Amino acid sequence: MEIKNHFGVYGVCLQEGKLLCIEKTRGPYQNRFDLPGGGQELGEGLTETLEREVLE
């Protein structure tokens, strides 16, 4: 049995008292809100991952 690990980063973005959230459009959490974030790409640092995910 193969075990896969998934490491993700998530960020809290506040501006003028507002919290940035994303709405899930698929998967088990469809139509729910989450913080911006996601998984690392090969060779990417944690800060780079978070910056990319927030911009996406």
PDB file of N, CA and C in Angstrom:
ATOM      1  N   MET A   1       0.840  -1.180   0.000  1.00  0.00           N
ATOM      2  CA  MET A   1       0.000   0.000   0.000  1.00  0.00           C
ATOM      3  C   MET A   1       0.892   1.253   0.000  1.00  0.00           C
ATOM      4  N   GLU A   2       0.655   2.113  -0.953  1.00  0.00           N
ATOM      5  CA  GLU A   2       1.446   3.340  -1.070  1.00  0.00           C
ATOM      6  C   GLU A   2       0.816   4.448  -0.239  1.00  0.00           C
ATOM      7  N   ILE A   3       1.641   5.123   0.554  1.00  0.00           N
ATOM      8  CA  ILE A   3       1.161   6.241   1.366  1.00  0.00           C
ATOM      9  C   ILE A   3       1.672   7.525   0.738  1.00  0.00           C
ATOM     10  N   LYS A   4       0.768   8.446   0.482  1.00  0.00           N
ATOM     11  CA  LYS A   4       1.144   9.733  -0.098  1.00  0.00           C
ATOM     12  C   LYS A   4       0.934  10.821   0.939  1.00  0.00           C
ATOM     13  N   ASN A   5       1.906  11.704   1.038  1.00  0.00           N
ATOM     14  CA  ASN A   5       1.797  12.846   1.935  1.00  0.00           C
ATOM     15  C   ASN A   5       1.485  14.091   1.122  1.00  0.00           C
ATOM     16  N   HIS A   6       0.640  14.934   1.648  1.00  0.00           N
ATOM     17  CA  HIS A   6       0.323  16.205   1.004  1.00  0.00           C
ATOM     18  C   HIS A   6       0.588  17.303   2.006  1.00  0.00           C
ATOM     19  N   PHE A   7       1.463  18.208   1.649  1.00  0.00           N
ATOM     20  CA  PHE A   7       1.795  19.330   2.523  1.00  0.00           C
ATOM     21  C   PHE A   7       1.265  20.593   1.867  1.00  0.00           C
ATOM     22  N   GLY A   8       0.475  21.334   2.597  1.00  0.00           N
ATOM     23  CA  GLY A   8      -0.094  22.561   2.053  1.00  0.00           C
ATOM     24  C   GLY A   8       0.172  23.750   2.945  1.00  0.00           C
ATOM     25  N   VAL A   9       0.034  24.936   2.365  1.00  0.00           N
ATOM     26  CA  VAL A   9       0.166  26.175   3.114  1.00  0.00           C
ATOM     27  C   VAL A   9      -1.117  26.984   2.943  1.00  0.00           C
ATOM     28  N   TYR A  10      -1.490  27.697   3.978  1.00  0.00           N
ATOM     29  CA  TYR A  10      -2.688  28.529   3.956  1.00  0.00           C
ATOM     30  C   TYR A  10      -2.363  29.851   4.613  1.00  0.00           C
ATOM     31  N   GLY A  11      -2.997  30.907   4.158  1.00  0.00           N
ATOM     32  CA  GLY A  11      -2.709  32.227   4.692  1.00  0.00           C
ATOM     33  C   GLY A  11      -3.959  32.955   5.136  1.00  0.00           C
ATOM     34  N   VAL A  12      -3.773  33.853   6.075  1.00  0.00           N
ATOM     35  CA  VAL A  12      -4.836  34.741   6.535  1.00  0.00           C
ATOM     36  C   VAL A  12      -4.520  36.121   5.982  1.00  0.00           C
ATOM     37  N   CYS A  13      -5.418  36.628   5.130  1.00  0.00           N
ATOM     38  CA  CYS A  13      -5.216  37.935   4.503  1.00  0.00           C
ATOM     39  C   CYS A  13      -6.317  38.876   4.979  1.00  0.00           C
ATOM     40  N   LEU A  14      -5.933  39.913   5.689  1.00  0.00           N
ATOM     41  CA  LEU A  14      -6.881  40.915   6.183  1.00  0.00           C
ATOM     42  C   LEU A  14      -6.586  42.253   5.534  1.00  0.00           C
ATOM     43  N   GLN A  15      -7.646  42.928   5.108  1.00  0.00           N
ATOM     44  CA  GLN A  15      -7.500  44.277   4.564  1.00  0.00           C
ATOM     45  C   GLN A  15      -8.750  45.064   4.927  1.00  0.00           C
ATOM     46  N   GLU A  16      -8.550  46.178   5.617  1.00  0.00           N
ATOM     47  CA  GLU A  16      -9.652  47.036   6.054  1.00  0.00           C
ATOM     48  C   GLU A  16     -10.733  46.245   6.791  1.00  0.00           C
ATOM     49  N   GLY A  17     -10.292  45.332   7.640  1.00  0.00           N
ATOM     50  CA  GLY A  17     -11.218  44.541   8.439  1.00  0.00           C
ATOM     51  C   GLY A  17     -11.922  43.423   7.695  1.00  0.00           C
ATOM     52  N   LYS A  18     -11.524  43.164   6.454  1.00  0.00           N
ATOM     53  CA  LYS A  18     -12.150  42.104   5.660  1.00  0.00           C
ATOM     54  C   LYS A  18     -11.190  40.935   5.514  1.00  0.00           C
ATOM     55  N   LEU A  19     -11.726  39.721   5.586  1.00  0.00           N
ATOM     56  CA  LEU A  19     -10.957  38.487   5.471  1.00  0.00           C
ATOM     57  C   LEU A  19     -11.113  37.919   4.069  1.00  0.00           C
ATOM     58  N   LEU A  20      -9.983  37.634   3.409  1.00  0.00           N
ATOM     59  CA  LEU A  20     -10.017  37.034   2.081  1.00  0.00           C
ATOM     60  C   LEU A  20     -10.325  35.544   2.207  1.00  0.00           C
ATOM     61  N   CYS A  21     -11.394  35.102   1.541  1.00  0.00           N
ATOM     62  CA  CYS A  21     -11.783  33.692   1.511  1.00  0.00           C
ATOM     63  C   CYS A  21     -12.001  33.275   0.065  1.00  0.00           C
ATOM     64  N   ILE A  22     -11.888  31.980  -0.176  1.00  0.00           N
ATOM     65  CA  ILE A  22     -12.195  31.436  -1.491  1.00  0.00           C
ATOM     66  C   ILE A  22     -13.383  30.491  -1.337  1.00  0.00           C
ATOM     67  N   GLU A  23     -14.184  30.372  -2.395  1.00  0.00           N
ATOM     68  CA  GLU A  23     -15.308  29.441  -2.373  1.00  0.00           C
ATOM     69  C   GLU A  23     -14.912  28.190  -3.135  1.00  0.00           C
ATOM     70  N   LYS A  24     -15.033  27.048  -2.487  1.00  0.00           N
ATOM     71  CA  LYS A  24     -14.702  25.772  -3.121  1.00  0.00           C
ATOM     72  C   LYS A  24     -15.731  25.476  -4.208  1.00  0.00           C
ATOM     73  N   THR A  25     -15.260  25.080  -5.393  1.00  0.00           N
ATOM     74  CA  THR A  25     -16.178  24.829  -6.507  1.00  0.00           C
ATOM     75  C   THR A  25     -16.297  23.351  -6.859  1.00  0.00           C
ATOM     76  N   ARG A  26     -15.521  22.507  -6.172  1.00  0.00           N
ATOM     77  CA  ARG A  26     -15.602  21.074  -6.440  1.00  0.00           C
ATOM     78  C   ARG A  26     -15.118  20.298  -5.225  1.00  0.00           C
ATOM     79  N   GLY A  27     -15.259  19.011  -5.266  1.00  0.00           N
ATOM     80  CA  GLY A  27     -14.794  18.155  -4.185  1.00  0.00           C
ATOM     81  C   GLY A  27     -15.779  18.104  -3.031  1.00  0.00           C
ATOM     82  N   PRO A  28     -15.362  17.477  -1.944  1.00  0.00           N
ATOM     83  CA  PRO A  28     -16.272  17.270  -0.810  1.00  0.00           C
ATOM     84  C   PRO A  28     -16.673  18.560  -0.090  1.00  0.00           C
ATOM     85  N   TYR A  29     -15.920  19.628  -0.301  1.00  0.00           N
ATOM     86  CA  TYR A  29     -16.228  20.895   0.364  1.00  0.00           C
ATOM     87  C   TYR A  29     -16.815  21.920  -0.599  1.00  0.00           C
ATOM     88  N   GLN A  30     -17.401  21.441  -1.690  1.00  0.00           N
ATOM     89  CA  GLN A  30     -18.002  22.316  -2.696  1.00  0.00           C
ATOM     90  C   GLN A  30     -19.016  23.256  -2.034  1.00  0.00           C
ATOM     91  N   ASN A  31     -19.023  24.509  -2.483  1.00  0.00           N
ATOM     92  CA  ASN A  31     -19.920  25.561  -1.986  1.00  0.00           C
ATOM     93  C   ASN A  31     -19.631  25.981  -0.550  1.00  0.00           C
ATOM     94  N   ARG A  32     -18.450  25.685  -0.061  1.00  0.00           N
ATOM     95  CA  ARG A  32     -18.030  26.145   1.268  1.00  0.00           C
ATOM     96  C   ARG A  32     -16.846  27.089   1.096  1.00  0.00           C
ATOM     97  N   PHE A  33     -16.552  27.847   2.126  1.00  0.00           N
ATOM     98  CA  PHE A  33     -15.474  28.828   2.068  1.00  0.00           C
ATOM     99  C   PHE A  33     -14.240  28.308   2.801  1.00  0.00           C
ATOM    100  N   ASP A  34     -13.082  28.758   2.336  1.00  0.00           N
ATOM    101  CA  ASP A  34     -11.806  28.335   2.912  1.00  0.00           C
ATOM    102  C   ASP A  34     -10.827  29.498   2.813  1.00  0.00           C
ATOM    103  N   LEU A  35      -9.700  29.365   3.484  1.00  0.00           N
ATOM    104  CA  LEU A  35      -8.623  30.338   3.350  1.00  0.00           C
ATOM    105  C   LEU A  35      -7.855  30.057   2.061  1.00  0.00           C
ATOM    106  N   PRO A  36      -7.234  31.074   1.464  1.00  0.00           N
ATOM    107  CA  PRO A  36      -6.425  30.822   0.272  1.00  0.00           C
ATOM    108  C   PRO A  36      -5.200  29.986   0.632  1.00  0.00           C
ATOM    109  N   GLY A  37      -4.894  29.033  -0.215  1.00  0.00           N
ATOM    110  CA  GLY A  37      -3.732  28.190   0.024  1.00  0.00           C
ATOM    111  C   GLY A  37      -3.752  26.979  -0.869  1.00  0.00           C
ATOM    112  N   GLY A  38      -2.764  26.118  -0.692  1.00  0.00           N
ATOM    113  CA  GLY A  38      -2.687  24.909  -1.495  1.00  0.00           C
ATOM    114  C   GLY A  38      -1.342  24.243  -1.342  1.00  0.00           C
ATOM    115  N   GLY A  39      -1.043  23.344  -2.280  1.00  0.00           N
ATOM    116  CA  GLY A  39       0.151  22.528  -2.208  1.00  0.00           C
ATOM    117  C   GLY A  39       1.335  23.125  -2.940  1.00  0.00           C
ATOM    118  N   GLN A  40       2.511  22.696  -2.501  1.00  0.00           N
ATOM    119  CA  GLN A  40       3.765  23.138  -3.105  1.00  0.00           C
ATOM    120  C   GLN A  40       3.980  22.472  -4.456  1.00  0.00           C
ATOM    121  N   GLU A  41       4.619  23.204  -5.352  1.00  0.00           N
ATOM    122  CA  GLU A  41       5.088  22.633  -6.602  1.00  0.00           C
ATOM    123  C   GLU A  41       6.557  22.284  -6.421  1.00  0.00           C
ATOM    124  N   LEU A  42       7.053  21.394  -7.241  1.00  0.00           N
ATOM    125  CA  LEU A  42       8.427  20.929  -7.142  1.00  0.00           C
ATOM    126  C   LEU A  42       9.413  22.095  -7.167  1.00  0.00           C
ATOM    127  N   GLY A  43      10.298  22.153  -6.177  1.00  0.00           N
ATOM    128  CA  GLY A  43      11.325  23.180  -6.111  1.00  0.00           C
ATOM    129  C   GLY A  43      10.860  24.513  -5.560  1.00  0.00           C
ATOM    130  N   GLU A  44       9.632  24.589  -5.114  1.00  0.00           N
ATOM    131  CA  GLU A  44       9.047  25.843  -4.639  1.00  0.00           C
ATOM    132  C   GLU A  44       9.172  25.930  -3.117  1.00  0.00           C
ATOM    133  N   GLY A  45       9.526  27.104  -2.598  1.00  0.00           N
ATOM    134  CA  GLY A  45       9.581  27.318  -1.150  1.00  0.00           C
ATOM    135  C   GLY A  45       8.186  27.611  -0.598  1.00  0.00           C
ATOM    136  N   LEU A  46       8.057  27.568   0.713  1.00  0.00           N
ATOM    137  CA  LEU A  46       6.750  27.794   1.346  1.00  0.00           C
ATOM    138  C   LEU A  46       6.207  29.196   1.066  1.00  0.00           C
ATOM    139  N   THR A  47       7.076  30.202   1.136  1.00  0.00           N
ATOM    140  CA  THR A  47       6.634  31.573   0.882  1.00  0.00           C
ATOM    141  C   THR A  47       6.189  31.728  -0.571  1.00  0.00           C
ATOM    142  N   GLU A  48       6.953  31.146  -1.484  1.00  0.00           N
ATOM    143  CA  GLU A  48       6.584  31.195  -2.905  1.00  0.00           C
ATOM    144  C   GLU A  48       5.244  30.502  -3.156  1.00  0.00           C
ATOM    145  N   THR A  49       5.038  29.379  -2.494  1.00  0.00           N
ATOM    146  CA  THR A  49       3.771  28.646  -2.637  1.00  0.00           C
ATOM    147  C   THR A  49       2.610  29.509  -2.178  1.00  0.00           C
ATOM    148  N   LEU A  50       2.748  30.117  -1.027  1.00  0.00           N
ATOM    149  CA  LEU A  50       1.672  30.935  -0.488  1.00  0.00           C
ATOM    150  C   LEU A  50       1.397  32.147  -1.370  1.00  0.00           C
ATOM    151  N   GLU A  51       2.431  32.803  -1.834  1.00  0.00           N
ATOM    152  CA  GLU A  51       2.247  33.956  -2.729  1.00  0.00           C
ATOM    153  C   GLU A  51       1.499  33.545  -3.996  1.00  0.00           C
ATOM    154  N   ARG A  52       1.886  32.430  -4.599  1.00  0.00           N
ATOM    155  CA  ARG A  52       1.242  31.953  -5.821  1.00  0.00           C
ATOM    156  C   ARG A  52      -0.222  31.598  -5.563  1.00  0.00           C
ATOM    157  N   GLU A  53      -0.477  30.906  -4.480  1.00  0.00           N
ATOM    158  CA  GLU A  53      -1.848  30.479  -4.181  1.00  0.00           C
ATOM    159  C   GLU A  53      -2.768  31.661  -3.895  1.00  0.00           C
ATOM    160  N   VAL A  54      -2.275  32.663  -3.195  1.00  0.00           N
ATOM    161  CA  VAL A  54      -3.097  33.840  -2.904  1.00  0.00           C
ATOM    162  C   VAL A  54      -3.415  34.586  -4.209  1.00  0.00           C
ATOM    163  N   LEU A  55      -2.427  34.708  -5.095  1.00  0.00           N
ATOM    164  CA  LEU A  55      -2.660  35.387  -6.373  1.00  0.00           C
ATOM    165  C   LEU A  55      -3.616  34.604  -7.285  1.00  0.00           C
ATOM    166  N   GLU A  56      -3.559  33.279  -7.197  1.00  0.00           N
ATOM    167  CA  GLU A  56      -4.468  32.465  -8.008  1.00  0.00           C
ATOM    168  C   GLU A  56      -5.891  32.639  -7.542  1.00  0.00           C
TER     169      GLU A  56
END
